[in-house]
Amino acid sequence: MTVTFSLDSDSDATVWLAMPLLGDGRGVARERKKWARRTSELLWSLVDDEPVDKKQVKMLAFELDSVAEQLPRTVSVHQVFLYVPDPRREFLTFLVHAGPSEDDVDATLDELVQKDAPGAVQDPEVIDFDTERLGRGKRSIRYFVASEAGAMCCSVNYAWRLEPLGIDVIVRTVGEDIGWITSNIDEFDEFARSLFVNLDT
């Protein structure tokens, strides 16, 4: 099954950025670097309380370029949104994936938000997360130790069943700055509620 859809949002596009998935091919690296540089320049231009430091602009551009290059190769995703409320701190990636709806909706949504996935240090916090735009869904907050880094991490996982399209959609972020992630859950929830399906893709 080929999923031909995308999620759009009317959240602040200078905080929630859509990251292009450019893949490979001739000229892609140049196009990706150009996007990263322009995005970094824009984000730093919005910081009012200090002058723009070219080194900081270059560093953020490098980080954006690195993520844009690595993600399609390392993770199967349909879309990526970046949460960048302040360019002076590490941004978060919100990965979007979709697949055909299968089996019981509650059991499937529980699986998609990793309710019973092994490795959690405690039972994930799972709640119903229905939205006006996407319909029936769930959200979990999960704490686990990343085997690669050996560090405690937190993931925030959203999943919805889009009945009219016959697909299930996941939106997920993960990071090591647990305090910052958990303090921004309301912002993440607001963004999740702003998501809607764009079929003109």
Protein backbone atom coordinates (compact mmCIF):
# COMPACT_ATOMS: atom_id res chain seq x y z
CA MET A 1 0.00 0.00 0.00
CA THR A 2 1.34 3.42 -0.97
CA VAL A 3 0.38 6.17 1.46
CA THR A 4 0.00 9.42 -0.48
CA PHE A 5 -0.86 12.06 2.06
CA SER A 6 0.82 14.62 4.26
CA LEU A 7 0.14 16.32 7.55
CA ASP A 8 -0.02 20.09 7.69
CA SER A 9 -0.25 22.40 10.67
CA ASP A 10 -1.31 25.98 11.25
CA SER A 11 1.03 26.29 14.23
CA ASP A 12 3.71 28.98 14.18
CA ALA A 13 5.95 28.00 11.27
CA THR A 14 8.95 29.74 12.88
CA VAL A 15 8.69 27.38 15.86
CA TRP A 16 7.38 24.25 14.12
CA LEU A 17 9.37 23.86 10.93
CA ALA A 18 8.71 21.36 8.17
CA MET A 19 11.99 19.69 7.24
CA PRO A 20 12.39 18.68 3.59
CA LEU A 21 13.12 15.02 2.85
CA LEU A 22 15.33 15.33 -0.18
CA GLY A 23 16.77 11.84 -0.45
CA ASP A 24 19.83 11.30 -2.62
CA GLY A 25 20.81 12.37 -6.07
CA ARG A 26 22.68 15.03 -7.94
CA GLY A 27 22.48 18.46 -6.37
CA VAL A 28 20.66 17.25 -3.27
CA ALA A 29 23.50 18.03 -0.87
CA ARG A 30 23.70 21.58 -2.19
CA GLU A 31 19.95 22.06 -1.90
CA ARG A 32 19.92 20.65 1.64
CA LYS A 33 22.77 22.90 2.77
CA LYS A 34 21.03 25.92 1.26
CA TRP A 35 17.84 25.08 3.18
CA ALA A 36 19.81 24.61 6.42
CA ARG A 37 21.68 27.90 6.02
CA ARG A 38 18.57 29.94 5.19
CA THR A 39 16.60 28.33 8.01
CA SER A 40 19.35 29.03 10.52
CA GLU A 41 19.63 32.64 9.39
CA LEU A 42 15.87 33.09 9.74
CA LEU A 43 15.71 31.53 13.20
CA TRP A 44 18.60 33.59 14.52
CA SER A 45 17.13 36.78 13.04
CA LEU A 46 14.11 36.24 15.31
CA VAL A 47 16.22 36.36 18.49
CA ASP A 48 15.74 39.90 19.80
CA ASP A 49 17.95 40.06 22.87
CA GLU A 50 21.38 39.50 21.33
CA PRO A 51 23.20 40.22 18.07
CA VAL A 52 23.46 37.45 15.52
CA ASP A 53 26.73 35.54 15.88
CA LYS A 54 27.90 34.09 12.56
CA LYS A 55 29.48 31.14 14.36
CA GLN A 56 26.16 30.28 15.97
CA VAL A 57 24.39 30.61 12.63
CA LYS A 58 26.91 28.23 11.07
CA MET A 59 26.61 25.76 13.94
CA LEU A 60 22.81 25.59 13.74
CA ALA A 61 23.00 25.29 9.95
CA PHE A 62 25.42 22.38 10.36
CA GLU A 63 23.10 20.66 12.84
CA LEU A 64 20.07 21.14 10.59
CA ASP A 65 21.98 19.84 7.59
CA SER A 66 23.21 16.80 9.52
CA VAL A 67 19.71 15.84 10.67
CA ALA A 68 18.25 16.39 7.20
CA GLU A 69 20.93 14.15 5.72
CA GLN A 70 20.76 11.35 8.28
CA LEU A 71 17.06 10.91 9.02
CA PRO A 72 15.82 9.48 5.73
CA ARG A 73 18.72 7.04 5.75
CA THR A 74 18.36 5.84 9.34
CA VAL A 75 14.61 6.03 9.98
CA SER A 76 11.63 5.31 7.74
CA VAL A 77 9.61 8.52 7.83
CA HIS A 78 6.97 10.26 5.73
CA GLN A 79 7.59 13.71 7.18
CA VAL A 80 9.64 15.52 9.79
CA PHE A 81 8.71 18.56 11.83
CA LEU A 82 11.32 20.39 13.92
CA TYR A 83 10.48 22.06 17.21
CA VAL A 84 12.79 25.08 17.50
CA PRO A 85 11.38 27.57 20.01
CA ASP A 86 14.88 28.94 20.64
CA PRO A 87 17.88 28.43 18.32
CA ARG A 88 20.21 28.66 21.33
CA ARG A 89 19.22 25.19 22.50
CA GLU A 90 18.98 21.77 20.86
CA PHE A 91 15.91 21.31 18.69
CA LEU A 92 13.61 18.29 18.66
CA THR A 93 12.60 16.21 15.66
CA PHE A 94 8.98 15.04 15.38
CA LEU A 95 8.83 12.09 13.00
CA VAL A 96 5.67 11.24 11.07
CA HIS A 97 4.98 7.74 9.78
CA ALA A 98 1.83 6.21 8.31
CA GLY A 99 0.73 2.71 7.42
CA PRO A 100 -2.43 0.78 6.60
CA SER A 101 -4.93 0.36 9.43
CA GLU A 102 -4.98 -3.16 10.80
CA ASP A 103 -6.72 -5.03 13.64
CA ASP A 104 -8.52 -3.57 16.63
CA VAL A 105 -8.16 0.18 16.91
CA ASP A 106 -7.41 0.34 20.66
CA ALA A 107 -4.86 -2.47 20.56
CA THR A 108 -3.19 -0.96 17.49
CA LEU A 109 -3.00 2.55 18.95
CA ASP A 110 -1.57 1.12 22.18
CA GLU A 111 1.12 -0.62 20.14
CA LEU A 112 1.88 2.48 18.09
CA VAL A 113 2.40 4.64 21.19
CA GLN A 114 4.61 1.85 22.61
CA LYS A 115 2.42 1.17 25.64
CA ASP A 116 3.89 -2.30 26.22
CA ALA A 117 7.17 -2.00 24.32
CA PRO A 118 10.10 -3.52 26.23
CA GLY A 119 12.78 -1.36 27.80
CA ALA A 120 10.67 1.24 29.61
CA VAL A 121 11.85 2.07 33.12
CA GLN A 122 8.22 2.43 34.23
CA ASP A 123 4.80 2.00 32.67
CA PRO A 124 4.30 4.71 30.03
CA GLU A 125 1.70 7.39 30.69
CA VAL A 126 -0.96 6.68 28.06
CA ILE A 127 -4.06 8.83 27.52
CA ASP A 128 -6.78 9.05 24.89
CA PHE A 129 -5.91 11.87 22.51
CA ASP A 130 -8.78 12.40 20.10
CA THR A 131 -8.56 15.56 18.00
CA GLU A 132 -11.16 17.37 15.95
CA ARG A 133 -9.01 17.15 12.82
CA LEU A 134 -7.50 13.67 13.01
CA GLY A 135 -10.08 11.80 15.03
CA ARG A 136 -9.46 8.95 17.42
CA GLY A 137 -5.99 8.78 18.94
CA LYS A 138 -3.73 8.18 21.90
CA ARG A 139 -0.66 9.84 23.38
CA SER A 140 2.05 8.34 25.57
CA ILE A 141 5.03 9.65 27.49
CA ARG A 142 7.65 6.93 27.82
CA TYR A 143 10.94 6.82 29.73
CA PHE A 144 13.63 4.36 28.72
CA VAL A 145 17.39 3.87 28.57
CA ALA A 146 18.75 4.20 25.04
CA SER A 147 20.99 1.22 24.36
CA GLU A 148 23.20 3.19 21.95
CA ALA A 149 24.03 6.05 24.29
CA GLY A 150 23.30 4.38 27.62
CA ALA A 151 21.37 7.49 28.64
CA MET A 152 17.90 7.96 30.02
CA CYS A 153 15.55 9.24 27.33
CA CYS A 154 11.97 10.37 27.04
CA SER A 155 9.72 9.83 24.05
CA VAL A 156 6.38 11.48 23.36
CA ASN A 157 4.27 9.40 21.01
CA TYR A 158 1.00 10.26 19.27
CA ALA A 159 -1.05 7.89 17.13
CA TRP A 160 -4.35 8.22 15.31
CA ARG A 161 -6.54 5.98 13.20
CA LEU A 162 -7.72 7.92 10.16
CA GLU A 163 -10.78 5.85 9.34
CA PRO A 164 -11.72 7.57 6.04
CA LEU A 165 -8.23 6.95 4.65
CA GLY A 166 -7.72 3.49 6.13
CA ILE A 167 -4.38 4.44 7.68
CA ASP A 168 -2.81 4.81 11.10
CA VAL A 169 -0.50 7.76 11.72
CA ILE A 170 2.30 8.10 14.27
CA VAL A 171 4.01 11.33 15.36
CA ARG A 172 6.96 10.74 17.69
CA THR A 173 9.82 12.64 19.29
CA VAL A 174 12.58 11.46 21.61
CA GLY A 175 15.37 13.16 23.52
CA GLU A 176 17.67 13.03 26.53
CA ASP A 177 16.69 16.41 28.05
CA ILE A 178 13.82 14.91 30.00
CA GLY A 179 13.05 18.01 32.06
CA TRP A 180 12.76 20.21 28.99
CA ILE A 181 10.65 17.69 27.10
CA THR A 182 8.20 17.13 29.93
CA SER A 183 7.89 20.85 30.61
CA ASN A 184 6.79 21.38 27.01
CA ILE A 185 4.15 18.65 26.78
CA ASP A 186 1.37 21.25 26.56
CA GLU A 187 3.13 22.83 23.56
CA PHE A 188 3.46 19.42 21.91
CA ASP A 189 -0.20 18.64 22.54
CA GLU A 190 -1.24 21.97 21.04
CA PHE A 191 0.83 21.22 17.95
CA ALA A 192 -0.64 17.72 17.69
CA ARG A 193 -4.16 19.16 17.80
CA SER A 194 -3.24 21.57 15.00
CA LEU A 195 -2.34 18.77 12.58
CA PHE A 196 -4.62 18.03 9.67
CA VAL A 197 -4.47 15.86 6.57
CA ASN A 198 -3.50 17.43 3.26
CA LEU A 199 -4.50 15.18 0.40
CA ASP A 200 -3.16 17.54 -2.28
CA THR A 201 0.28 15.89 -2.35
